[in-house]
C-alpha atoms as a PDB file:
ATOM      1  CA  MET A   1      97.488  92.442  78.672  1.00  0.00           C
ATOM      2  CA  ASN A   2      94.892  94.561  80.454  1.00  0.00           C
ATOM      3  CA  HIS A   3      95.758  95.690  83.948  1.00  0.00           C
ATOM      4  CA  LEU A   4      93.125  96.245  86.577  1.00  0.00           C
ATOM      5  CA  HIS A   5      92.811  99.711  88.058  1.00  0.00           C
ATOM      6  CA  LEU A   6      93.661  99.023  91.669  1.00  0.00           C
ATOM      7  CA  ASP A   7      94.529 100.785  94.887  1.00  0.00           C
ATOM      8  CA  LEU A   8      95.045  99.859  98.522  1.00  0.00           C
ATOM      9  CA  ASN A   9      93.551 101.221 101.711  1.00  0.00           C
ATOM     10  CA  LEU A  10      95.454 100.706 104.967  1.00  0.00           C
ATOM     11  CA  ASP A  11      93.774 100.605 108.351  1.00  0.00           C
ATOM     12  CA  LYS A  12      95.400 101.696 111.612  1.00  0.00           C
ATOM     13  CA  HIS A  13      96.946  98.234 111.998  1.00  0.00           C
ATOM     14  CA  LEU A  14      98.475  98.516 108.495  1.00  0.00           C
ATOM     15  CA  ASP A  15      96.202  95.769 107.177  1.00  0.00           C
ATOM     16  CA  ALA A  16      95.524  96.369 103.495  1.00  0.00           C
ATOM     17  CA  THR A  17      92.240  96.262 101.618  1.00  0.00           C
ATOM     18  CA  LEU A  18      92.560  95.917  97.859  1.00  0.00           C
ATOM     19  CA  VAL A  19      90.277  98.261  95.928  1.00  0.00           C
ATOM     20  CA  ILE A  20      89.636  97.343  92.293  1.00  0.00           C
ATOM     21  CA  GLU A  21      87.612  99.366  89.818  1.00  0.00           C
ATOM     22  CA  CYS A  22      85.117  97.147  87.985  1.00  0.00           C
ATOM     23  CA  PRO A  23      86.088  97.343  84.299  1.00  0.00           C
ATOM     24  CA  VAL A  24      82.416  97.240  83.281  1.00  0.00           C
ATOM     25  CA  CYS A  25      80.610  99.687  85.569  1.00  0.00           C
ATOM     26  CA  GLY A  26      83.403 101.427  87.525  1.00  0.00           C
ATOM     27  CA  HIS A  27      82.089 100.297  90.933  1.00  0.00           C
ATOM     28  CA  GLU A  28      84.766  99.751  93.602  1.00  0.00           C
ATOM     29  CA  ILE A  29      85.269  96.104  94.526  1.00  0.00           C
ATOM     30  CA  THR A  30      87.047  95.649  97.861  1.00  0.00           C
ATOM     31  CA  HIS A  31      88.664  92.589  99.386  1.00  0.00           C
ATOM     32  CA  HIS A  32      91.192  91.934 102.177  1.00  0.00           C
ATOM     33  CA  PHE A  33      94.524  91.921 100.353  1.00  0.00           C
ATOM     34  CA  ARG A  34      96.315  89.138 102.241  1.00  0.00           C
ATOM     35  CA  SER A  35      93.504  86.627 101.669  1.00  0.00           C
ATOM     36  CA  LEU A  36      93.781  86.832  97.863  1.00  0.00           C
ATOM     37  CA  GLU A  37      95.665  84.274  95.800  1.00  0.00           C
ATOM     38  CA  PRO A  38      96.603  84.459  92.109  1.00  0.00           C
ATOM     39  CA  ASP A  39      93.582  83.980  89.845  1.00  0.00           C
ATOM     40  CA  SER A  40      91.117  84.804  92.623  1.00  0.00           C
ATOM     41  CA  VAL A  41      87.752  85.811  91.185  1.00  0.00           C
ATOM     42  CA  LEU A  42      85.869  88.746  92.688  1.00  0.00           C
ATOM     43  CA  VAL A  43      82.312  89.627  91.694  1.00  0.00           C
ATOM     44  CA  CYS A  44      81.144  93.211  91.360  1.00  0.00           C
ATOM     45  CA  SER A  45      78.168  93.776  93.649  1.00  0.00           C
ATOM     46  CA  GLN A  46      76.819  96.406  91.254  1.00  0.00           C
ATOM     47  CA  CYS A  47      76.782  94.613  87.859  1.00  0.00           C
ATOM     48  CA  GLN A  48      77.768  91.018  88.813  1.00  0.00           C
ATOM     49  CA  HIS A  49      80.793  91.081  86.473  1.00  0.00           C
ATOM     50  CA  SER A  50      83.504  88.580  87.479  1.00  0.00           C
ATOM     51  CA  VAL A  51      86.988  90.060  87.843  1.00  0.00           C
ATOM     52  CA  THR A  52      90.027  87.786  87.959  1.00  0.00           C
ATOM     53  CA  VAL A  53      92.948  89.055  90.028  1.00  0.00           C
ATOM     54  CA  SER A  54      96.117  87.791  88.349  1.00  0.00           C
ATOM     55  CA  GLU A  55      99.489  87.112  89.900  1.00  0.00           C
ATOM     56  CA  ALA A  56     100.790  90.263  88.164  1.00  0.00           C
ATOM     57  CA  ASP A  57      97.974  92.302  89.761  1.00  0.00           C
ATOM     58  CA  LEU A  58      98.892  90.947  93.192  1.00  0.00           C
ATOM     59  CA  GLU A  59     102.561  91.749  92.580  1.00  0.00           C
ATOM     60  CA  ARG A  60     101.630  95.333  91.661  1.00  0.00           C
ATOM     61  CA  ALA A  61      99.506  95.572  94.805  1.00  0.00           C
ATOM     62  CA  GLU A  62     102.359  94.187  96.935  1.00  0.00           C
ATOM     63  CA  ALA A  63     104.754  96.786  95.487  1.00  0.00           C
ATOM     64  CA  LEU A  64     102.213  99.509  96.255  1.00  0.00           C
ATOM     65  CA  TYR A  65     101.790  98.160  99.800  1.00  0.00           C
ATOM     66  CA  GLN A  66     105.551  98.180 100.408  1.00  0.00           C
ATOM     67  CA  ALA A  67     105.799 101.740  99.048  1.00  0.00           C
ATOM     68  CA  MET A  68     102.967 102.859 101.330  1.00  0.00           C
ATOM     69  CA  LEU A  69     104.737 101.337 104.335  1.00  0.00           C
ATOM     70  CA  ARG A  70     108.010 103.073 103.394  1.00  0.00           C
ATOM     71  CA  ASP A  71     106.243 106.408 102.900  1.00  0.00           C
ATOM     72  CA  GLY A  72     104.549 106.040 106.279  1.00  0.00           C
ATOM     73  CA  GLU A  73     107.886 105.629 108.064  1.00  0.00           C
ATOM     74  CA  GLN A  74     109.098 109.076 107.012  1.00  0.00           C
END
């Protein structure tokens, strides 16, 4: 199974934006994390490639989000 290269950006209110690297062109695709559901499809604005965000991807992002919150409390 291929995993998306993903990261999260947090704003000052600790709202997360999911950042996904397009597997075709490498462009960063961003979307508000909490509004995504499993099997959401995002389209790269650079090459128009469709990227499906799986439940496993969202679980990885949630784990990253929780780790970022824990790290911020220290």
